[in-house]
Amino acid sequence: MINNTNSAAKTVLSFIDAMNTEDFKTARNYVTNDLKFEGVMGIRDGAETYFKDMEKMKLKYEILKVFFDENDVCLFYNITMSGKKIFSAGWYKIENNKIKSFKVVFDPRPLLEESQKK
């Protein structure tokens, strides 16, 4: 999959590969220090804040489709969170071959329903 993509998509796919193997040090190399993350469950400003949370969550990504246009990359993927597989979409913005920002959207109801059971 990585061979037929542009450099921005290669950056994102390499980031996702590192996240899947919980190699957060390598994943950190693919983002800017001032990374901005926006998701359904909150916003993270800065790479340190983002990775602090990700090291606890240990999400797993199953990439379904990759779209790219210059420095924009969009992924459809299943993300496994809290033991639930959630269909999601991520929009990544690349600057100087690093992820500058990204947004992830998904239906949070399965996670909310699980938290209400506890």
Protein backbone atom coordinates (compact mmCIF):
# COMPACT_ATOMS: atom_id res chain seq x y z
CA MET A 1 0.00 0.00 0.00
CA ILE A 2 2.80 2.45 0.85
CA ASN A 3 4.54 2.10 -2.56
CA ASN A 4 1.65 3.66 -4.52
CA THR A 5 1.32 6.84 -2.46
CA ASN A 6 2.79 10.31 -2.28
CA SER A 7 5.26 11.38 0.43
CA ALA A 8 2.52 12.85 2.66
CA ALA A 9 0.61 9.56 2.60
CA LYS A 10 3.83 7.64 3.29
CA THR A 11 4.39 9.82 6.36
CA VAL A 12 0.89 9.12 7.68
CA LEU A 13 1.04 5.39 6.95
CA SER A 14 4.44 5.13 8.64
CA PHE A 15 3.02 6.96 11.65
CA ILE A 16 0.06 4.54 11.81
CA ASP A 17 2.38 1.53 11.48
CA ALA A 18 4.45 2.77 14.43
CA MET A 19 1.32 3.42 16.49
CA ASN A 20 0.05 -0.11 15.78
CA THR A 21 3.28 -1.62 17.10
CA GLU A 22 3.27 0.76 20.09
CA ASP A 23 6.59 2.20 18.93
CA PHE A 24 5.71 5.67 20.16
CA LYS A 25 9.30 6.93 19.83
CA THR A 26 9.25 6.22 16.09
CA ALA A 27 5.69 7.55 15.74
CA ARG A 28 6.83 10.78 17.42
CA ASN A 29 9.33 11.31 14.57
CA TYR A 30 6.43 11.70 12.11
CA VAL A 31 4.74 14.64 13.86
CA THR A 32 5.63 18.26 14.58
CA ASN A 33 6.25 19.42 18.16
CA ASP A 34 3.18 21.66 17.95
CA LEU A 35 0.90 18.88 16.69
CA LYS A 36 -2.81 19.71 16.91
CA PHE A 37 -5.23 16.79 17.28
CA GLU A 38 -9.00 17.19 17.19
CA GLY A 39 -11.22 14.24 17.93
CA VAL A 40 -14.74 13.40 18.99
CA MET A 41 -13.67 12.97 22.60
CA GLY A 42 -11.37 16.02 22.84
CA ILE A 43 -8.51 18.14 21.57
CA ARG A 44 -4.78 17.66 22.20
CA ASP A 45 -2.34 20.54 21.70
CA GLY A 46 1.28 19.51 21.31
CA ALA A 47 2.96 16.22 20.54
CA GLU A 48 3.88 15.52 24.16
CA THR A 49 0.25 15.78 25.31
CA TYR A 50 -0.97 13.65 22.41
CA PHE A 51 1.55 10.84 22.96
CA LYS A 52 1.06 10.84 26.73
CA ASP A 53 -2.58 9.90 26.09
CA MET A 54 -1.84 7.48 23.24
CA GLU A 55 0.66 5.52 25.34
CA LYS A 56 -2.19 4.82 27.78
CA MET A 57 -4.86 4.11 25.15
CA LYS A 58 -2.77 1.90 22.82
CA LEU A 59 -5.22 2.18 19.93
CA LYS A 60 -4.99 -0.17 16.98
CA TYR A 61 -5.73 0.92 13.41
CA GLU A 62 -7.01 -1.22 10.55
CA ILE A 63 -6.65 0.92 7.42
CA LEU A 64 -9.48 0.45 4.95
CA LYS A 65 -8.85 3.23 2.40
CA VAL A 66 -6.25 5.97 1.79
CA PHE A 67 -6.96 9.21 -0.08
CA PHE A 68 -4.37 11.93 -0.67
CA ASP A 69 -4.01 15.29 -2.39
CA GLU A 70 -0.64 17.00 -2.04
CA ASN A 71 -0.24 17.60 1.72
CA ASP A 72 -3.67 16.33 2.77
CA VAL A 73 -4.21 12.67 3.60
CA CYS A 74 -7.52 11.08 4.53
CA LEU A 75 -7.89 7.59 5.95
CA PHE A 76 -10.91 5.43 6.51
CA TYR A 77 -10.04 2.97 9.23
CA ASN A 78 -11.37 0.82 12.00
CA ILE A 79 -9.86 1.90 15.30
CA THR A 80 -9.97 -0.52 18.19
CA MET A 81 -10.68 1.46 21.36
CA SER A 82 -11.54 -0.05 24.73
CA GLY A 83 -12.01 -3.41 23.02
CA LYS A 84 -14.49 -1.98 20.49
CA LYS A 85 -13.83 -1.67 16.75
CA ILE A 86 -15.06 1.78 15.63
CA PHE A 87 -15.26 2.89 11.97
CA SER A 88 -13.50 6.26 11.74
CA ALA A 89 -12.17 8.84 9.32
CA GLY A 90 -8.96 10.81 9.84
CA TRP A 91 -7.84 13.93 7.98
CA TYR A 92 -4.10 14.57 8.28
CA LYS A 93 -2.34 17.81 7.28
CA ILE A 94 1.35 17.46 6.45
CA GLU A 95 3.94 20.23 6.70
CA ASN A 96 7.65 19.68 5.95
CA ASN A 97 7.11 15.89 5.79
CA LYS A 98 5.59 15.75 9.28
CA ILE A 99 2.02 15.59 10.55
CA LYS A 100 1.12 19.12 11.64
CA SER A 101 -2.51 18.41 12.55
CA PHE A 102 -5.23 15.85 12.19
CA LYS A 103 -8.89 15.39 12.91
CA VAL A 104 -10.61 12.10 13.59
CA VAL A 105 -14.37 11.59 13.46
CA PHE A 106 -16.42 8.56 14.49
CA ASP A 107 -19.69 7.65 16.15
CA PRO A 108 -18.84 7.60 19.89
CA ARG A 109 -22.04 5.82 21.01
CA PRO A 110 -20.45 2.36 21.48
CA LEU A 111 -17.83 3.89 23.80
CA LEU A 112 -20.37 5.99 25.68
CA GLU A 113 -22.68 3.01 26.13
CA GLU A 114 -19.78 0.99 27.56
CA SER A 115 -18.82 3.75 30.01
CA GLN A 116 -22.45 4.00 31.22
CA LYS A 117 -22.41 0.28 32.09
CA LYS A 118 -19.51 0.76 34.52
